[in-house]
């Protein structure tokens, strides 16, 4: 069997420190967001932007 063309691996889970630094939010808030949304990066980014605003 051959690998599929254009197939990509799932994105690794966010680390709380990385998320907190990216959006300039407290690490505690980043942990809560990651716990709530799991590995859905789009939802995590959206929630972090709401807190950062």
PDB file of N, CA and C in Angstrom:
ATOM      1  N   UNK A   1       0.830  -1.188   0.000  1.00  0.00           N
ATOM      2  CA  UNK A   1       0.000   0.000   0.000  1.00  0.00           C
ATOM      3  C   UNK A   1       0.877   1.255   0.000  1.00  0.00           C
ATOM      4  N   UNK A   2       0.434   2.280  -0.658  1.00  0.00           N
ATOM      5  CA  UNK A   2       1.200   3.521  -0.693  1.00  0.00           C
ATOM      6  C   UNK A   2       0.488   4.588   0.129  1.00  0.00           C
ATOM      7  N   UNK A   3       1.251   5.582   0.530  1.00  0.00           N
ATOM      8  CA  UNK A   3       0.661   6.687   1.290  1.00  0.00           C
ATOM      9  C   UNK A   3      -0.176   7.554   0.363  1.00  0.00           C
ATOM     10  N   UNK A   4      -1.238   8.109   0.908  1.00  0.00           N
ATOM     11  CA  UNK A   4      -2.109   8.989   0.118  1.00  0.00           C
ATOM     12  C   UNK A   4      -1.421  10.313  -0.151  1.00  0.00           C
ATOM     13  N   UNK A   5      -1.640  10.826  -1.327  1.00  0.00           N
ATOM     14  CA  UNK A   5      -1.103  12.143  -1.670  1.00  0.00           C
ATOM     15  C   UNK A   5      -1.885  13.212  -0.915  1.00  0.00           C
ATOM     16  N   UNK A   6      -1.196  14.166  -0.342  1.00  0.00           N
ATOM     17  CA  UNK A   6      -1.849  15.286   0.321  1.00  0.00           C
ATOM     18  C   UNK A   6      -2.395  14.966   1.708  1.00  0.00           C
ATOM     19  N   UNK A   7      -2.220  13.753   2.178  1.00  0.00           N
ATOM     20  CA  UNK A   7      -2.717  13.417   3.511  1.00  0.00           C
ATOM     21  C   UNK A   7      -1.806  14.060   4.556  1.00  0.00           C
ATOM     22  N   UNK A   8      -2.425  14.635   5.560  1.00  0.00           N
ATOM     23  CA  UNK A   8      -1.620  15.267   6.604  1.00  0.00           C
ATOM     24  C   UNK A   8      -1.946  14.649   7.956  1.00  0.00           C
ATOM     25  N   UNK A   9      -0.989  14.684   8.816  1.00  0.00           N
ATOM     26  CA  UNK A   9      -1.178  14.153  10.168  1.00  0.00           C
ATOM     27  C   UNK A   9      -2.011  15.136  10.969  1.00  0.00           C
ATOM     28  N   UNK A  10      -2.750  14.644  11.955  1.00  0.00           N
ATOM     29  CA  UNK A  10      -3.515  15.567  12.785  1.00  0.00           C
ATOM     30  C   UNK A  10      -2.580  16.500  13.558  1.00  0.00           C
ATOM     31  N   UNK A  11      -3.048  17.704  13.778  1.00  0.00           N
ATOM     32  CA  UNK A  11      -2.232  18.685  14.495  1.00  0.00           C
ATOM     33  C   UNK A  11      -2.051  18.239  15.948  1.00  0.00           C
ATOM     34  N   UNK A  12      -0.848  18.371  16.462  1.00  0.00           N
ATOM     35  CA  UNK A  12      -0.641  18.007  17.871  1.00  0.00           C
ATOM     36  C   UNK A  12      -1.419  18.955  18.778  1.00  0.00           C
ATOM     37  N   UNK A  13      -1.749  18.479  19.959  1.00  0.00           N
ATOM     38  CA  UNK A  13      -2.517  19.291  20.906  1.00  0.00           C
ATOM     39  C   UNK A  13      -1.702  20.517  21.324  1.00  0.00           C
ATOM     40  N   UNK A  14      -2.417  21.594  21.588  1.00  0.00           N
ATOM     41  CA  UNK A  14      -1.772  22.815  22.066  1.00  0.00           C
ATOM     42  C   UNK A  14      -1.179  22.589  23.450  1.00  0.00           C
ATOM     43  N   UNK A  15      -0.048  23.182  23.697  1.00  0.00           N
ATOM     44  CA  UNK A  15       0.517  23.246  25.042  1.00  0.00           C
ATOM     45  C   UNK A  15      -0.027  24.526  25.664  1.00  0.00           C
ATOM     46  N   UNK A  16      -0.459  24.495  26.923  1.00  0.00           N
ATOM     47  CA  UNK A  16      -1.026  25.691  27.550  1.00  0.00           C
ATOM     48  C   UNK A  16      -0.112  26.910  27.496  1.00  0.00           C
ATOM     49  N   UNK A  17       1.200  26.709  27.703  1.00  0.00           N
ATOM     50  CA  UNK A  17       2.133  27.843  27.672  1.00  0.00           C
ATOM     51  C   UNK A  17       2.184  28.483  26.292  1.00  0.00           C
ATOM     52  N   UNK A  18       2.153  27.657  25.247  1.00  0.00           N
ATOM     53  CA  UNK A  18       2.204  28.160  23.879  1.00  0.00           C
ATOM     54  C   UNK A  18       0.944  28.968  23.572  1.00  0.00           C
ATOM     55  N   UNK A  19      -0.208  28.432  23.944  1.00  0.00           N
ATOM     56  CA  UNK A  19      -1.472  29.134  23.716  1.00  0.00           C
ATOM     57  C   UNK A  19      -1.505  30.448  24.487  1.00  0.00           C
ATOM     58  N   UNK A  20      -1.086  30.411  25.740  1.00  0.00           N
ATOM     59  CA  UNK A  20      -1.087  31.613  26.572  1.00  0.00           C
ATOM     60  C   UNK A  20      -0.176  32.695  25.984  1.00  0.00           C
ATOM     61  N   UNK A  21       0.987  32.293  25.515  1.00  0.00           N
ATOM     62  CA  UNK A  21       1.917  33.259  24.940  1.00  0.00           C
ATOM     63  C   UNK A  21       1.388  33.826  23.626  1.00  0.00           C
ATOM     64  N   UNK A  22       0.811  32.956  22.792  1.00  0.00           N
ATOM     65  CA  UNK A  22       0.306  33.383  21.485  1.00  0.00           C
ATOM     66  C   UNK A  22      -0.779  34.451  21.615  1.00  0.00           C
ATOM     67  N   UNK A  23      -1.682  34.271  22.599  1.00  0.00           N
ATOM     68  CA  UNK A  23      -2.809  35.191  22.736  1.00  0.00           C
ATOM     69  C   UNK A  23      -2.667  36.145  23.929  1.00  0.00           C
ATOM     70  N   UNK A  24      -1.527  36.051  24.624  1.00  0.00           N
ATOM     71  CA  UNK A  24      -1.266  36.902  25.792  1.00  0.00           C
ATOM     72  C   UNK A  24      -2.386  36.801  26.819  1.00  0.00           C
ATOM     73  N   UNK A  25      -2.666  35.545  27.205  1.00  0.00           N
ATOM     74  CA  UNK A  25      -3.669  35.269  28.239  1.00  0.00           C
ATOM     75  C   UNK A  25      -2.993  34.478  29.355  1.00  0.00           C
ATOM     76  N   UNK A  26      -3.587  34.440  30.548  1.00  0.00           N
ATOM     77  CA  UNK A  26      -2.994  33.647  31.634  1.00  0.00           C
ATOM     78  C   UNK A  26      -2.962  32.149  31.296  1.00  0.00           C
ATOM     79  N   UNK A  27      -1.941  31.455  31.771  1.00  0.00           N
ATOM     80  CA  UNK A  27      -1.805  30.024  31.517  1.00  0.00           C
ATOM     81  C   UNK A  27      -3.015  29.270  32.067  1.00  0.00           C
ATOM     82  N   UNK A  28      -3.556  29.709  33.193  1.00  0.00           N
ATOM     83  CA  UNK A  28      -4.725  29.055  33.787  1.00  0.00           C
ATOM     84  C   UNK A  28      -5.920  29.085  32.826  1.00  0.00           C
ATOM     85  N   UNK A  29      -6.105  30.223  32.162  1.00  0.00           N
ATOM     86  CA  UNK A  29      -7.188  30.331  31.177  1.00  0.00           C
ATOM     87  C   UNK A  29      -6.920  29.422  29.983  1.00  0.00           C
ATOM     88  N   UNK A  30      -5.685  29.343  29.572  1.00  0.00           N
ATOM     89  CA  UNK A  30      -5.323  28.477  28.451  1.00  0.00           C
ATOM     90  C   UNK A  30      -5.622  27.019  28.774  1.00  0.00           C
ATOM     91  N   UNK A  31      -5.320  26.609  29.994  1.00  0.00           N
ATOM     92  CA  UNK A  31      -5.592  25.230  30.418  1.00  0.00           C
ATOM     93  C   UNK A  31      -7.097  24.952  30.376  1.00  0.00           C
ATOM     94  N   UNK A  32      -7.900  25.896  30.867  1.00  0.00           N
ATOM     95  CA  UNK A  32      -9.352  25.723  30.854  1.00  0.00           C
ATOM     96  C   UNK A  32      -9.892  25.598  29.435  1.00  0.00           C
ATOM     97  N   UNK A  33      -9.381  26.433  28.534  1.00  0.00           N
ATOM     98  CA  UNK A  33      -9.828  26.395  27.140  1.00  0.00           C
ATOM     99  C   UNK A  33      -9.478  25.052  26.507  1.00  0.00           C
ATOM    100  N   UNK A  34      -8.257  24.591  26.710  1.00  0.00           N
ATOM    101  CA  UNK A  34      -7.819  23.314  26.131  1.00  0.00           C
ATOM    102  C   UNK A  34      -8.638  22.161  26.698  1.00  0.00           C
ATOM    103  N   UNK A  35      -8.925  22.192  27.997  1.00  0.00           N
ATOM    104  CA  UNK A  35      -9.752  21.146  28.606  1.00  0.00           C
ATOM    105  C   UNK A  35     -11.157  21.140  28.010  1.00  0.00           C
ATOM    106  N   UNK A  36     -11.686  22.317  27.739  1.00  0.00           N
ATOM    107  CA  UNK A  36     -13.056  22.428  27.225  1.00  0.00           C
ATOM    108  C   UNK A  36     -13.162  21.990  25.761  1.00  0.00           C
ATOM    109  N   UNK A  37     -12.211  22.400  24.917  1.00  0.00           N
ATOM    110  CA  UNK A  37     -12.315  22.167  23.481  1.00  0.00           C
ATOM    111  C   UNK A  37     -11.456  21.026  22.947  1.00  0.00           C
ATOM    112  N   UNK A  38     -10.638  20.424  23.787  1.00  0.00           N
ATOM    113  CA  UNK A  38      -9.837  19.281  23.345  1.00  0.00           C
ATOM    114  C   UNK A  38      -8.829  19.653  22.279  1.00  0.00           C
ATOM    115  N   UNK A  39      -8.885  18.973  21.144  1.00  0.00           N
ATOM    116  CA  UNK A  39      -7.897  19.202  20.090  1.00  0.00           C
ATOM    117  C   UNK A  39      -8.451  20.024  18.920  1.00  0.00           C
ATOM    118  N   UNK A  40      -9.586  20.669  19.105  1.00  0.00           N
ATOM    119  CA  UNK A  40     -10.195  21.494  18.051  1.00  0.00           C
ATOM    120  C   UNK A  40      -9.519  22.864  18.045  1.00  0.00           C
ATOM    121  N   UNK A  41      -8.452  22.978  17.246  1.00  0.00           N
ATOM    122  CA  UNK A  41      -7.651  24.210  17.236  1.00  0.00           C
ATOM    123  C   UNK A  41      -8.453  25.441  16.866  1.00  0.00           C
ATOM    124  N   UNK A  42      -9.375  25.290  15.934  1.00  0.00           N
ATOM    125  CA  UNK A  42     -10.169  26.436  15.500  1.00  0.00           C
ATOM    126  C   UNK A  42     -11.002  26.974  16.670  1.00  0.00           C
ATOM    127  N   UNK A  43     -11.628  26.090  17.418  1.00  0.00           N
ATOM    128  CA  UNK A  43     -12.436  26.494  18.567  1.00  0.00           C
ATOM    129  C   UNK A  43     -11.559  27.057  19.685  1.00  0.00           C
ATOM    130  N   UNK A  44     -10.393  26.456  19.875  1.00  0.00           N
ATOM    131  CA  UNK A  44      -9.463  26.940  20.907  1.00  0.00           C
ATOM    132  C   UNK A  44      -9.001  28.355  20.577  1.00  0.00           C
ATOM    133  N   UNK A  45      -8.616  28.584  19.337  1.00  0.00           N
ATOM    134  CA  UNK A  45      -8.165  29.919  18.929  1.00  0.00           C
ATOM    135  C   UNK A  45      -9.282  30.948  19.104  1.00  0.00           C
ATOM    136  N   UNK A  46     -10.486  30.573  18.733  1.00  0.00           N
ATOM    137  CA  UNK A  46     -11.625  31.483  18.851  1.00  0.00           C
ATOM    138  C   UNK A  46     -11.892  31.842  20.319  1.00  0.00           C
ATOM    139  N   UNK A  47     -11.867  30.847  21.187  1.00  0.00           N
ATOM    140  CA  UNK A  47     -12.101  31.087  22.613  1.00  0.00           C
ATOM    141  C   UNK A  47     -10.988  31.943  23.212  1.00  0.00           C
ATOM    142  N   UNK A  48      -9.747  31.688  22.811  1.00  0.00           N
ATOM    143  CA  UNK A  48      -8.616  32.462  23.322  1.00  0.00           C
ATOM    144  C   UNK A  48      -8.703  33.919  22.855  1.00  0.00           C
ATOM    145  N   UNK A  49      -9.126  34.130  21.615  1.00  0.00           N
ATOM    146  CA  UNK A  49      -9.280  35.512  21.112  1.00  0.00           C
ATOM    147  C   UNK A  49     -10.352  36.245  21.909  1.00  0.00           C
ATOM    148  N   UNK A  50     -11.424  35.545  22.288  1.00  0.00           N
ATOM    149  CA  UNK A  50     -12.477  36.192  23.087  1.00  0.00           C
ATOM    150  C   UNK A  50     -11.939  36.640  24.446  1.00  0.00           C
ATOM    151  N   UNK A  51     -11.109  35.824  25.055  1.00  0.00           N
ATOM    152  CA  UNK A  51     -10.543  36.180  26.368  1.00  0.00           C
ATOM    153  C   UNK A  51      -9.535  37.314  26.214  1.00  0.00           C
ATOM    154  N   UNK A  52      -8.749  37.276  25.159  1.00  0.00           N
ATOM    155  CA  UNK A  52      -7.698  38.265  24.953  1.00  0.00           C
ATOM    156  C   UNK A  52      -8.264  39.647  24.639  1.00  0.00           C
ATOM    157  N   UNK A  53      -9.450  39.710  24.088  1.00  0.00           N
ATOM    158  CA  UNK A  53     -10.031  40.989  23.669  1.00  0.00           C
ATOM    159  C   UNK A  53     -10.468  41.845  24.838  1.00  0.00           C
TER     160      UNK A  53
END
